[in-house]
Amino acid sequence: MRKLTCTLLVLAAVAAAPRAEAAHLKVAATLGDLAAITHAIGGEHVTVDCLAPPTVDPHYVDPRPSLILLLSKADLLVVNGLDLEAAWLHPLINNSRNADLQIGSNGYLDVSAFVERLQIPTMRIDRSMGDIHPGGNPHFTFDPRRAKPIAAGIAARLALLDPEHAAAFQENLAAFTKQLDHLITVEHERFAKLPAEQRKVVVYHQSLIYVWDWLGIEQVATVEPKPGIPPTPGDVAKVLRLMKATGTHVLVQEDFYQRGPSQTLAQLTKGTLVVVPGTTRYPDGQDYLQHIHEVTDALYAALAK
């Protein structure tokens, strides 16, 4: 009887003990950058999951059944937009049977609506031109200047879904924006000190133009002849001639693209191949600012040689 009484007292004490407040919103984000930004704004009041693995080209994510289950329980879905996820995302949304995540609902947030876009086609496009996005280049999260309106848009949507913590979201937004402003200024000034002839690059895919726009870097050529089209030996030879003619010795690409052609060009020009992460490694605990620092540090080290 004494043991039973002690057990009941312990159980009662556990039940009466204060519990940590559960997160109010479950958020799914398509990319690591968006997951990291949402986490920075939502803080303790959200749980954020990322759909696309950081080492996978976001155009071609495997629509696993586990992603359907994740979306079925989400209160908010944050997407990049501009058809970046078009090949895999909408079947997942439909199969999740979550009415809150449908396009046009408060639980569906397309952040491309908040940013100034580059490379918006001015002519009629078709598949023969490669993987061209009709709404503009979708790789804008590389640019922390464009992360500012994205963060503000996320804060507003979180406040709409969870008005009780709207003030906290605004405080987090202010702190995050301050960090972004510092990063934007410091990195721009660092790259501006490099001579113009050193600020030239060749890229594999047309996905880093927002970085070049921010840091004042000239993109001489792309290894791909058209977006999404693998290069032939003739394409590589054409890029080699351009690199030699312009004195370009740095090639840049994300880690999920094939490296063979870029490595060949780096060897033939005695240049440097810079392989950068395509997005924030959010599942590994990396935040957005750390990701951008990683990218800019790798670029600067190669260009400053």
C-alpha atoms as a PDB file:
ATOM      1  CA  MET A   1       0.000   0.000   0.000  1.00  0.00           C
ATOM      2  CA  ARG A   2       2.887   2.355   0.815  1.00  0.00           C
ATOM      3  CA  LYS A   3       4.473   1.670  -2.602  1.00  0.00           C
ATOM      4  CA  LEU A   4       1.162   2.308  -4.361  1.00  0.00           C
ATOM      5  CA  THR A   5       0.749   5.593  -2.503  1.00  0.00           C
ATOM      6  CA  CYS A   6       4.240   6.733  -3.489  1.00  0.00           C
ATOM      7  CA  THR A   7       3.601   5.813  -7.121  1.00  0.00           C
ATOM      8  CA  LEU A   8       0.365   7.783  -7.188  1.00  0.00           C
ATOM      9  CA  LEU A   9       2.081  10.794  -5.634  1.00  0.00           C
ATOM     10  CA  VAL A  10       4.824  10.694  -8.288  1.00  0.00           C
ATOM     11  CA  LEU A  11       2.278  10.446 -11.095  1.00  0.00           C
ATOM     12  CA  ALA A  12       0.314  13.327  -9.644  1.00  0.00           C
ATOM     13  CA  ALA A  13       3.458  15.455  -9.389  1.00  0.00           C
ATOM     14  CA  VAL A  14       4.372  14.741 -13.000  1.00  0.00           C
ATOM     15  CA  ALA A  15       0.864  15.628 -14.162  1.00  0.00           C
ATOM     16  CA  ALA A  16       0.925  18.868 -12.198  1.00  0.00           C
ATOM     17  CA  ALA A  17       4.399  19.948 -13.375  1.00  0.00           C
ATOM     18  CA  PRO A  18       4.430  22.791 -15.946  1.00  0.00           C
ATOM     19  CA  ARG A  19       4.990  21.596 -19.485  1.00  0.00           C
ATOM     20  CA  ALA A  20       6.873  23.335 -22.266  1.00  0.00           C
ATOM     21  CA  GLU A  21       4.504  25.118 -24.586  1.00  0.00           C
ATOM     22  CA  ALA A  22       3.938  23.160 -27.778  1.00  0.00           C
ATOM     23  CA  ALA A  23       4.625  24.791 -31.112  1.00  0.00           C
ATOM     24  CA  HIS A  24       1.436  26.311 -32.471  1.00  0.00           C
ATOM     25  CA  LEU A  25       2.062  25.962 -36.203  1.00  0.00           C
ATOM     26  CA  LYS A  26       3.402  23.117 -38.312  1.00  0.00           C
ATOM     27  CA  VAL A  27       5.147  24.489 -41.399  1.00  0.00           C
ATOM     28  CA  ALA A  28       6.482  22.667 -44.440  1.00  0.00           C
ATOM     29  CA  ALA A  29       8.918  24.488 -46.725  1.00  0.00           C
ATOM     30  CA  THR A  30      10.044  23.223 -50.096  1.00  0.00           C
ATOM     31  CA  LEU A  31      13.679  24.413 -49.853  1.00  0.00           C
ATOM     32  CA  GLY A  32      16.270  24.574 -47.102  1.00  0.00           C
ATOM     33  CA  ASP A  33      16.566  28.363 -47.499  1.00  0.00           C
ATOM     34  CA  LEU A  34      12.847  28.826 -46.954  1.00  0.00           C
ATOM     35  CA  ALA A  35      12.782  26.421 -44.031  1.00  0.00           C
ATOM     36  CA  ALA A  36      15.659  28.267 -42.371  1.00  0.00           C
ATOM     37  CA  ILE A  37      14.103  31.703 -42.900  1.00  0.00           C
ATOM     38  CA  THR A  38      10.743  30.488 -41.576  1.00  0.00           C
ATOM     39  CA  HIS A  39      12.443  29.025 -38.517  1.00  0.00           C
ATOM     40  CA  ALA A  40      14.245  32.325 -37.896  1.00  0.00           C
ATOM     41  CA  ILE A  41      10.941  34.203 -37.972  1.00  0.00           C
ATOM     42  CA  GLY A  42       8.702  31.677 -36.227  1.00  0.00           C
ATOM     43  CA  GLY A  43      11.138  30.719 -33.477  1.00  0.00           C
ATOM     44  CA  GLU A  44       9.684  28.583 -30.713  1.00  0.00           C
ATOM     45  CA  HIS A  45       6.146  29.007 -32.010  1.00  0.00           C
ATOM     46  CA  VAL A  46       6.625  26.889 -35.140  1.00  0.00           C
ATOM     47  CA  THR A  47       8.014  23.561 -36.196  1.00  0.00           C
ATOM     48  CA  VAL A  48       9.467  23.609 -39.687  1.00  0.00           C
ATOM     49  CA  ASP A  49      10.179  20.659 -41.989  1.00  0.00           C
ATOM     50  CA  CYS A  50      11.967  20.818 -45.328  1.00  0.00           C
ATOM     51  CA  LEU A  51      10.686  18.813 -48.302  1.00  0.00           C
ATOM     52  CA  ALA A  52      13.702  18.921 -50.643  1.00  0.00           C
ATOM     53  CA  PRO A  53      16.973  17.362 -49.424  1.00  0.00           C
ATOM     54  CA  PRO A  54      19.774  19.971 -49.564  1.00  0.00           C
ATOM     55  CA  THR A  55      21.902  17.868 -51.918  1.00  0.00           C
ATOM     56  CA  VAL A  56      19.153  17.365 -54.527  1.00  0.00           C
ATOM     57  CA  ASP A  57      18.373  19.642 -57.468  1.00  0.00           C
ATOM     58  CA  PRO A  58      15.086  21.297 -56.399  1.00  0.00           C
ATOM     59  CA  HIS A  59      13.718  20.857 -59.905  1.00  0.00           C
ATOM     60  CA  TYR A  60      13.747  17.065 -59.455  1.00  0.00           C
ATOM     61  CA  VAL A  61      12.804  16.006 -55.927  1.00  0.00           C
ATOM     62  CA  ASP A  62      11.629  12.440 -55.341  1.00  0.00           C
ATOM     63  CA  PRO A  63       7.935  12.720 -54.285  1.00  0.00           C
ATOM     64  CA  ARG A  64       8.179  10.179 -51.472  1.00  0.00           C
ATOM     65  CA  PRO A  65       5.054   9.010 -49.581  1.00  0.00           C
ATOM     66  CA  SER A  66       6.581  10.410 -46.377  1.00  0.00           C
ATOM     67  CA  LEU A  67       6.243  13.894 -47.871  1.00  0.00           C
ATOM     68  CA  ILE A  68       2.527  13.339 -48.413  1.00  0.00           C
ATOM     69  CA  LEU A  69       2.142  12.441 -44.743  1.00  0.00           C
ATOM     70  CA  LEU A  70       4.121  15.537 -43.727  1.00  0.00           C
ATOM     71  CA  LEU A  71       1.916  17.809 -45.843  1.00  0.00           C
ATOM     72  CA  SER A  72      -1.263  16.193 -44.529  1.00  0.00           C
ATOM     73  CA  LYS A  73      -0.400  17.508 -41.048  1.00  0.00           C
ATOM     74  CA  ALA A  74       0.945  20.960 -42.026  1.00  0.00           C
ATOM     75  CA  ASP A  75      -0.761  24.263 -41.273  1.00  0.00           C
ATOM     76  CA  LEU A  76       1.354  26.221 -43.763  1.00  0.00           C
ATOM     77  CA  LEU A  77       3.300  25.355 -46.905  1.00  0.00           C
ATOM     78  CA  VAL A  78       6.008  27.824 -47.985  1.00  0.00           C
ATOM     79  CA  VAL A  79       7.042  27.418 -51.628  1.00  0.00           C
ATOM     80  CA  ASN A  80       9.632  29.104 -53.830  1.00  0.00           C
ATOM     81  CA  GLY A  81       7.356  29.391 -56.857  1.00  0.00           C
ATOM     82  CA  LEU A  82       8.123  30.352 -60.465  1.00  0.00           C
ATOM     83  CA  ASP A  83       7.640  26.661 -61.360  1.00  0.00           C
ATOM     84  CA  LEU A  84      10.820  25.604 -59.557  1.00  0.00           C
ATOM     85  CA  GLU A  85       8.912  22.797 -57.792  1.00  0.00           C
ATOM     86  CA  ALA A  86       6.353  22.228 -60.564  1.00  0.00           C
ATOM     87  CA  ALA A  87       7.537  18.715 -61.479  1.00  0.00           C
ATOM     88  CA  TRP A  88       6.875  17.212 -58.044  1.00  0.00           C
ATOM     89  CA  LEU A  89       5.062  19.481 -55.569  1.00  0.00           C
ATOM     90  CA  HIS A  90       1.434  19.717 -56.710  1.00  0.00           C
ATOM     91  CA  PRO A  91       0.819  15.937 -56.851  1.00  0.00           C
ATOM     92  CA  LEU A  92       2.029  15.811 -53.247  1.00  0.00           C
ATOM     93  CA  ILE A  93      -0.354  18.596 -52.239  1.00  0.00           C
ATOM     94  CA  ASN A  94      -3.285  16.896 -53.954  1.00  0.00           C
ATOM     95  CA  ASN A  95      -2.546  13.509 -52.400  1.00  0.00           C
ATOM     96  CA  SER A  96      -2.153  15.026 -48.941  1.00  0.00           C
ATOM     97  CA  ARG A  97      -5.892  15.899 -48.994  1.00  0.00           C
ATOM     98  CA  ASN A  98      -5.099  18.946 -46.882  1.00  0.00           C
ATOM     99  CA  ALA A  99      -7.526  21.672 -47.919  1.00  0.00           C
ATOM    100  CA  ASP A 100      -5.526  24.289 -46.024  1.00  0.00           C
ATOM    101  CA  LEU A 101      -2.549  23.951 -48.396  1.00  0.00           C
ATOM    102  CA  GLN A 102      -4.357  24.461 -51.690  1.00  0.00           C
ATOM    103  CA  ILE A 103      -3.289  27.364 -53.923  1.00  0.00           C
ATOM    104  CA  GLY A 104      -5.161  30.486 -52.882  1.00  0.00           C
ATOM    105  CA  SER A 105      -5.647  29.378 -49.291  1.00  0.00           C
ATOM    106  CA  ASN A 106      -4.004  31.020 -46.262  1.00  0.00           C
ATOM    107  CA  GLY A 107      -1.937  27.872 -45.780  1.00  0.00           C
ATOM    108  CA  TYR A 108      -0.201  28.196 -49.152  1.00  0.00           C
ATOM    109  CA  LEU A 109       2.504  30.871 -49.426  1.00  0.00           C
ATOM    110  CA  ASP A 110       4.394  31.454 -52.695  1.00  0.00           C
ATOM    111  CA  VAL A 111       7.319  33.712 -51.771  1.00  0.00           C
ATOM    112  CA  SER A 112       8.152  34.603 -55.378  1.00  0.00           C
ATOM    113  CA  ALA A 113       5.362  37.176 -55.089  1.00  0.00           C
ATOM    114  CA  PHE A 114       7.558  39.218 -52.736  1.00  0.00           C
ATOM    115  CA  VAL A 115      10.761  39.515 -54.772  1.00  0.00           C
ATOM    116  CA  GLU A 116      12.038  41.520 -57.721  1.00  0.00           C
ATOM    117  CA  ARG A 117      12.783  38.931 -60.390  1.00  0.00           C
ATOM    118  CA  LEU A 118      15.554  38.776 -62.950  1.00  0.00           C
ATOM    119  CA  GLN A 119      15.603  37.176 -66.410  1.00  0.00           C
ATOM    120  CA  ILE A 120      11.886  37.457 -67.082  1.00  0.00           C
ATOM    121  CA  PRO A 121      11.497  36.332 -70.723  1.00  0.00           C
ATOM    122  CA  THR A 122      10.414  39.051 -73.128  1.00  0.00           C
ATOM    123  CA  MET A 123       9.749  36.653 -75.981  1.00  0.00           C
ATOM    124  CA  ARG A 124       7.632  33.592 -76.508  1.00  0.00           C
ATOM    125  CA  ILE A 125       9.363  30.538 -75.052  1.00  0.00           C
ATOM    126  CA  ASP A 126       9.146  26.819 -75.791  1.00  0.00           C
ATOM    127  CA  ARG A 127      10.875  23.624 -74.689  1.00  0.00           C
ATOM    128  CA  SER A 128      13.508  23.905 -77.426  1.00  0.00           C
ATOM    129  CA  MET A 129      15.000  26.789 -75.450  1.00  0.00           C
ATOM    130  CA  GLY A 130      15.685  24.604 -72.428  1.00  0.00           C
ATOM    131  CA  ASP A 131      14.339  24.885 -68.903  1.00  0.00           C
ATOM    132  CA  ILE A 132      13.380  28.559 -68.996  1.00  0.00           C
ATOM    133  CA  HIS A 133      10.928  29.770 -66.368  1.00  0.00           C
ATOM    134  CA  PRO A 134       8.261  32.089 -67.811  1.00  0.00           C
ATOM    135  CA  GLY A 135       7.978  34.105 -64.587  1.00  0.00           C
ATOM    136  CA  GLY A 136      11.699  34.770 -64.267  1.00  0.00           C
ATOM    137  CA  ASN A 137      14.745  33.097 -62.743  1.00  0.00           C
ATOM    138  CA  PRO A 138      13.579  31.212 -59.616  1.00  0.00           C
ATOM    139  CA  HIS A 139      16.908  31.021 -57.752  1.00  0.00           C
ATOM    140  CA  PHE A 140      16.477  34.265 -55.830  1.00  0.00           C
ATOM    141  CA  THR A 141      17.051  32.928 -52.320  1.00  0.00           C
ATOM    142  CA  PHE A 142      20.824  33.107 -52.908  1.00  0.00           C
ATOM    143  CA  ASP A 143      20.468  36.884 -52.551  1.00  0.00           C
ATOM    144  CA  PRO A 144      19.993  38.100 -48.945  1.00  0.00           C
ATOM    145  CA  ARG A 145      18.549  41.372 -50.259  1.00  0.00           C
ATOM    146  CA  ARG A 146      15.633  39.373 -51.584  1.00  0.00           C
ATOM    147  CA  ALA A 147      15.445  37.331 -48.388  1.00  0.00           C
ATOM    148  CA  LYS A 148      14.281  40.492 -46.581  1.00  0.00           C
ATOM    149  CA  PRO A 149      10.849  40.783 -48.261  1.00  0.00           C
ATOM    150  CA  ILE A 150      10.513  36.994 -48.133  1.00  0.00           C
ATOM    151  CA  ALA A 151      11.013  37.068 -44.365  1.00  0.00           C
ATOM    152  CA  ALA A 152       8.504  39.907 -44.033  1.00  0.00           C
ATOM    153  CA  GLY A 153       5.948  37.973 -46.066  1.00  0.00           C
ATOM    154  CA  ILE A 154       6.442  34.872 -43.943  1.00  0.00           C
ATOM    155  CA  ALA A 155       6.080  36.908 -40.740  1.00  0.00           C
ATOM    156  CA  ALA A 156       2.793  38.357 -41.991  1.00  0.00           C
ATOM    157  CA  ARG A 157       1.401  34.936 -42.892  1.00  0.00           C
ATOM    158  CA  LEU A 158       2.449  33.394 -39.585  1.00  0.00           C
ATOM    159  CA  ALA A 159       0.727  36.280 -37.793  1.00  0.00           C
ATOM    160  CA  LEU A 160      -2.437  35.672 -39.816  1.00  0.00           C
ATOM    161  CA  LEU A 161      -2.483  32.002 -38.850  1.00  0.00           C
ATOM    162  CA  ASP A 162      -1.369  32.568 -35.255  1.00  0.00           C
ATOM    163  CA  PRO A 163      -2.290  36.125 -34.210  1.00  0.00           C
ATOM    164  CA  GLU A 164      -1.530  35.340 -30.568  1.00  0.00           C
ATOM    165  CA  HIS A 165       2.201  35.400 -31.368  1.00  0.00           C
ATOM    166  CA  ALA A 166       2.214  38.158 -33.998  1.00  0.00           C
ATOM    167  CA  ALA A 167       4.370  40.410 -31.806  1.00  0.00           C
ATOM    168  CA  ALA A 168       6.982  37.666 -31.411  1.00  0.00           C
ATOM    169  CA  PHE A 169       7.092  37.135 -35.162  1.00  0.00           C
ATOM    170  CA  GLN A 170       7.674  40.854 -35.692  1.00  0.00           C
ATOM    171  CA  GLU A 171      10.464  40.918 -33.110  1.00  0.00           C
ATOM    172  CA  ASN A 172      12.154  37.968 -34.780  1.00  0.00           C
ATOM    173  CA  LEU A 173      11.733  39.632 -38.166  1.00  0.00           C
ATOM    174  CA  ALA A 174      13.391  42.828 -36.935  1.00  0.00           C
ATOM    175  CA  ALA A 175      16.361  40.907 -35.540  1.00  0.00           C
ATOM    176  CA  PHE A 176      16.728  38.799 -38.684  1.00  0.00           C
ATOM    177  CA  THR A 177      16.483  41.838 -40.960  1.00  0.00           C
ATOM    178  CA  LYS A 178      19.216  43.591 -38.976  1.00  0.00           C
ATOM    179  CA  GLN A 179      21.494  40.592 -39.471  1.00  0.00           C
ATOM    180  CA  LEU A 180      20.707  40.512 -43.181  1.00  0.00           C
ATOM    181  CA  ASP A 181      21.450  44.213 -43.598  1.00  0.00           C
ATOM    182  CA  HIS A 182      24.862  43.775 -41.985  1.00  0.00           C
ATOM    183  CA  LEU A 183      25.683  40.783 -44.183  1.00  0.00           C
ATOM    184  CA  ILE A 184      24.508  42.535 -47.335  1.00  0.00           C
ATOM    185  CA  THR A 185      26.698  45.591 -46.721  1.00  0.00           C
ATOM    186  CA  VAL A 186      29.830  43.817 -45.501  1.00  0.00           C
ATOM    187  CA  GLU A 187      29.940  41.292 -48.338  1.00  0.00           C
ATOM    188  CA  HIS A 188      29.189  43.864 -51.030  1.00  0.00           C
ATOM    189  CA  GLU A 189      32.039  46.044 -49.782  1.00  0.00           C
ATOM    190  CA  ARG A 190      34.427  43.090 -49.585  1.00  0.00           C
ATOM    191  CA  PHE A 191      33.839  42.038 -53.196  1.00  0.00           C
ATOM    192  CA  ALA A 192      33.878  45.641 -54.439  1.00  0.00           C
ATOM    193  CA  LYS A 193      37.537  45.879 -53.403  1.00  0.00           C
ATOM    194  CA  LEU A 194      38.498  43.203 -55.919  1.00  0.00           C
ATOM    195  CA  PRO A 195      39.642  44.522 -59.319  1.00  0.00           C
ATOM    196  CA  ALA A 196      36.992  44.206 -62.039  1.00  0.00           C
ATOM    197  CA  GLU A 197      39.138  41.752 -64.012  1.00  0.00           C
ATOM    198  CA  GLN A 198      39.046  39.378 -61.025  1.00  0.00           C
ATOM    199  CA  ARG A 199      35.276  39.531 -60.677  1.00  0.00           C
ATOM    200  CA  LYS A 200      34.530  37.222 -63.609  1.00  0.00           C
ATOM    201  CA  VAL A 201      33.062  33.733 -63.433  1.00  0.00           C
ATOM    202  CA  VAL A 202      31.709  30.887 -65.506  1.00  0.00           C
ATOM    203  CA  VAL A 203      28.780  28.931 -64.057  1.00  0.00           C
ATOM    204  CA  TYR A 204      27.379  25.511 -64.840  1.00  0.00           C
ATOM    205  CA  HIS A 205      23.668  26.393 -64.600  1.00  0.00           C
ATOM    206  CA  GLN A 206      21.922  29.745 -64.859  1.00  0.00           C
ATOM    207  CA  SER A 207      21.168  29.857 -61.137  1.00  0.00           C
ATOM    208  CA  LEU A 208      23.523  32.347 -59.503  1.00  0.00           C
ATOM    209  CA  ILE A 209      22.633  35.588 -61.272  1.00  0.00           C
ATOM    210  CA  TYR A 210      21.101  37.049 -58.114  1.00  0.00           C
ATOM    211  CA  VAL A 211      24.455  36.619 -56.364  1.00  0.00           C
ATOM    212  CA  TRP A 212      26.261  38.352 -59.227  1.00  0.00           C
ATOM    213  CA  ASP A 213      23.707  41.178 -59.173  1.00  0.00           C
ATOM    214  CA  TRP A 214      24.343  41.669 -55.455  1.00  0.00           C
ATOM    215  CA  LEU A 215      28.142  41.380 -55.453  1.00  0.00           C
ATOM    216  CA  GLY A 216      28.975  43.009 -58.787  1.00  0.00           C
ATOM    217  CA  ILE A 217      30.336  39.884 -60.489  1.00  0.00           C
ATOM    218  CA  GLU A 218      30.348  39.367 -64.259  1.00  0.00           C
ATOM    219  CA  GLN A 219      29.050  36.048 -65.572  1.00  0.00           C
ATOM    220  CA  VAL A 220      31.037  35.269 -68.720  1.00  0.00           C
ATOM    221  CA  ALA A 221      29.304  32.048 -69.767  1.00  0.00           C
ATOM    222  CA  THR A 222      27.359  28.982 -68.681  1.00  0.00           C
ATOM    223  CA  VAL A 223      28.676  25.463 -69.221  1.00  0.00           C
ATOM    224  CA  GLU A 224      25.178  24.300 -70.094  1.00  0.00           C
ATOM    225  CA  PRO A 225      24.353  25.452 -73.643  1.00  0.00           C
ATOM    226  CA  LYS A 226      20.732  25.943 -72.536  1.00  0.00           C
ATOM    227  CA  PRO A 227      19.226  25.705 -69.036  1.00  0.00           C
ATOM    228  CA  GLY A 228      18.866  22.062 -68.064  1.00  0.00           C
ATOM    229  CA  ILE A 229      20.624  20.741 -71.206  1.00  0.00           C
ATOM    230  CA  PRO A 230      23.863  18.794 -70.496  1.00  0.00           C
ATOM    231  CA  PRO A 231      26.898  20.171 -72.365  1.00  0.00           C
ATOM    232  CA  THR A 232      28.552  18.343 -75.249  1.00  0.00           C
ATOM    233  CA  PRO A 233      32.329  18.368 -75.831  1.00  0.00           C
ATOM    234  CA  GLY A 234      31.700  21.098 -78.404  1.00  0.00           C
ATOM    235  CA  ASP A 235      29.900  23.215 -75.804  1.00  0.00           C
ATOM    236  CA  VAL A 236      32.800  22.776 -73.393  1.00  0.00           C
ATOM    237  CA  ALA A 237      35.265  23.803 -76.108  1.00  0.00           C
ATOM    238  CA  LYS A 238      33.254  26.962 -76.782  1.00  0.00           C
ATOM    239  CA  VAL A 239      33.310  27.907 -73.089  1.00  0.00           C
ATOM    240  CA  LEU A 240      37.053  27.221 -72.974  1.00  0.00           C
ATOM    241  CA  ARG A 241      37.658  29.718 -75.757  1.00  0.00           C
ATOM    242  CA  LEU A 242      35.580  32.338 -73.927  1.00  0.00           C
ATOM    243  CA  MET A 243      37.446  31.763 -70.683  1.00  0.00           C
ATOM    244  CA  LYS A 244      40.812  32.208 -72.388  1.00  0.00           C
ATOM    245  CA  ALA A 245      39.674  35.281 -74.297  1.00  0.00           C
ATOM    246  CA  THR A 246      38.330  36.995 -71.152  1.00  0.00           C
ATOM    247  CA  GLY A 247      40.953  35.810 -68.691  1.00  0.00           C
ATOM    248  CA  THR A 248      38.349  34.037 -66.565  1.00  0.00           C
ATOM    249  CA  HIS A 249      39.747  31.408 -64.188  1.00  0.00           C
ATOM    250  CA  VAL A 250      36.893  30.696 -61.766  1.00  0.00           C
ATOM    251  CA  LEU A 251      34.010  28.313 -62.357  1.00  0.00           C
ATOM    252  CA  VAL A 252      31.092  28.038 -59.939  1.00  0.00           C
ATOM    253  CA  GLN A 253      28.346  25.474 -59.576  1.00  0.00           C
ATOM    254  CA  GLU A 254      26.062  23.945 -56.991  1.00  0.00           C
ATOM    255  CA  ASP A 255      26.937  20.602 -55.466  1.00  0.00           C
ATOM    256  CA  PHE A 256      24.085  18.653 -57.089  1.00  0.00           C
ATOM    257  CA  TYR A 257      25.211  19.240 -60.707  1.00  0.00           C
ATOM    258  CA  GLN A 258      27.651  17.007 -62.562  1.00  0.00           C
ATOM    259  CA  ARG A 259      31.218  18.225 -62.114  1.00  0.00           C
ATOM    260  CA  GLY A 260      33.039  16.576 -65.017  1.00  0.00           C
ATOM    261  CA  PRO A 261      32.754  19.404 -67.606  1.00  0.00           C
ATOM    262  CA  SER A 262      33.580  22.112 -65.060  1.00  0.00           C
ATOM    263  CA  GLN A 263      36.551  20.147 -63.742  1.00  0.00           C
ATOM    264  CA  THR A 264      37.852  19.747 -67.290  1.00  0.00           C
ATOM    265  CA  LEU A 265      37.604  23.490 -67.892  1.00  0.00           C
ATOM    266  CA  ALA A 266      39.334  24.255 -64.598  1.00  0.00           C
ATOM    267  CA  GLN A 267      42.201  21.941 -65.504  1.00  0.00           C
ATOM    268  CA  LEU A 268      42.623  23.351 -69.028  1.00  0.00           C
ATOM    269  CA  THR A 269      42.662  26.956 -67.793  1.00  0.00           C
ATOM    270  CA  LYS A 270      44.602  26.226 -64.588  1.00  0.00           C
ATOM    271  CA  GLY A 271      41.623  27.775 -62.858  1.00  0.00           C
ATOM    272  CA  THR A 272      39.502  27.004 -59.808  1.00  0.00           C
ATOM    273  CA  LEU A 273      36.215  25.161 -59.560  1.00  0.00           C
ATOM    274  CA  VAL A 274      34.080  26.407 -56.666  1.00  0.00           C
ATOM    275  CA  VAL A 275      31.344  23.981 -55.625  1.00  0.00           C
ATOM    276  CA  VAL A 276      28.788  25.666 -53.379  1.00  0.00           C
ATOM    277  CA  PRO A 277      25.794  24.223 -51.527  1.00  0.00           C
ATOM    278  CA  GLY A 278      22.598  24.798 -53.456  1.00  0.00           C
ATOM    279  CA  THR A 279      20.609  25.693 -50.364  1.00  0.00           C
ATOM    280  CA  THR A 280      20.812  25.932 -46.591  1.00  0.00           C
ATOM    281  CA  ARG A 281      21.528  22.571 -44.978  1.00  0.00           C
ATOM    282  CA  TYR A 282      18.588  23.090 -42.663  1.00  0.00           C
ATOM    283  CA  PRO A 283      18.179  19.412 -41.682  1.00  0.00           C
ATOM    284  CA  ASP A 284      21.764  19.529 -40.394  1.00  0.00           C
ATOM    285  CA  GLY A 285      21.120  22.600 -38.246  1.00  0.00           C
ATOM    286  CA  GLN A 286      22.591  25.241 -40.563  1.00  0.00           C
ATOM    287  CA  ASP A 287      20.827  28.602 -40.651  1.00  0.00           C
ATOM    288  CA  TYR A 288      20.339  30.890 -43.645  1.00  0.00           C
ATOM    289  CA  LEU A 289      23.054  33.394 -42.714  1.00  0.00           C
ATOM    290  CA  GLN A 290      25.590  30.611 -42.252  1.00  0.00           C
ATOM    291  CA  HIS A 291      24.701  29.287 -45.699  1.00  0.00           C
ATOM    292  CA  ILE A 292      25.186  32.652 -47.412  1.00  0.00           C
ATOM    293  CA  HIS A 293      28.478  33.162 -45.573  1.00  0.00           C
ATOM    294  CA  GLU A 294      29.629  29.742 -46.782  1.00  0.00           C
ATOM    295  CA  VAL A 295      28.838  30.665 -50.379  1.00  0.00           C
ATOM    296  CA  THR A 296      30.452  34.118 -50.294  1.00  0.00           C
ATOM    297  CA  ASP A 297      33.569  32.913 -48.482  1.00  0.00           C
ATOM    298  CA  ALA A 298      34.148  30.180 -51.068  1.00  0.00           C
ATOM    299  CA  LEU A 299      33.631  32.644 -53.939  1.00  0.00           C
ATOM    300  CA  TYR A 300      35.906  35.279 -52.458  1.00  0.00           C
ATOM    301  CA  ALA A 301      38.699  32.796 -51.767  1.00  0.00           C
ATOM    302  CA  ALA A 302      38.716  31.753 -55.434  1.00  0.00           C
ATOM    303  CA  LEU A 303      38.358  35.222 -56.957  1.00  0.00           C
ATOM    304  CA  ALA A 304      41.001  36.790 -54.697  1.00  0.00           C
ATOM    305  CA  LYS A 305      43.772  34.400 -55.800  1.00  0.00           C
END
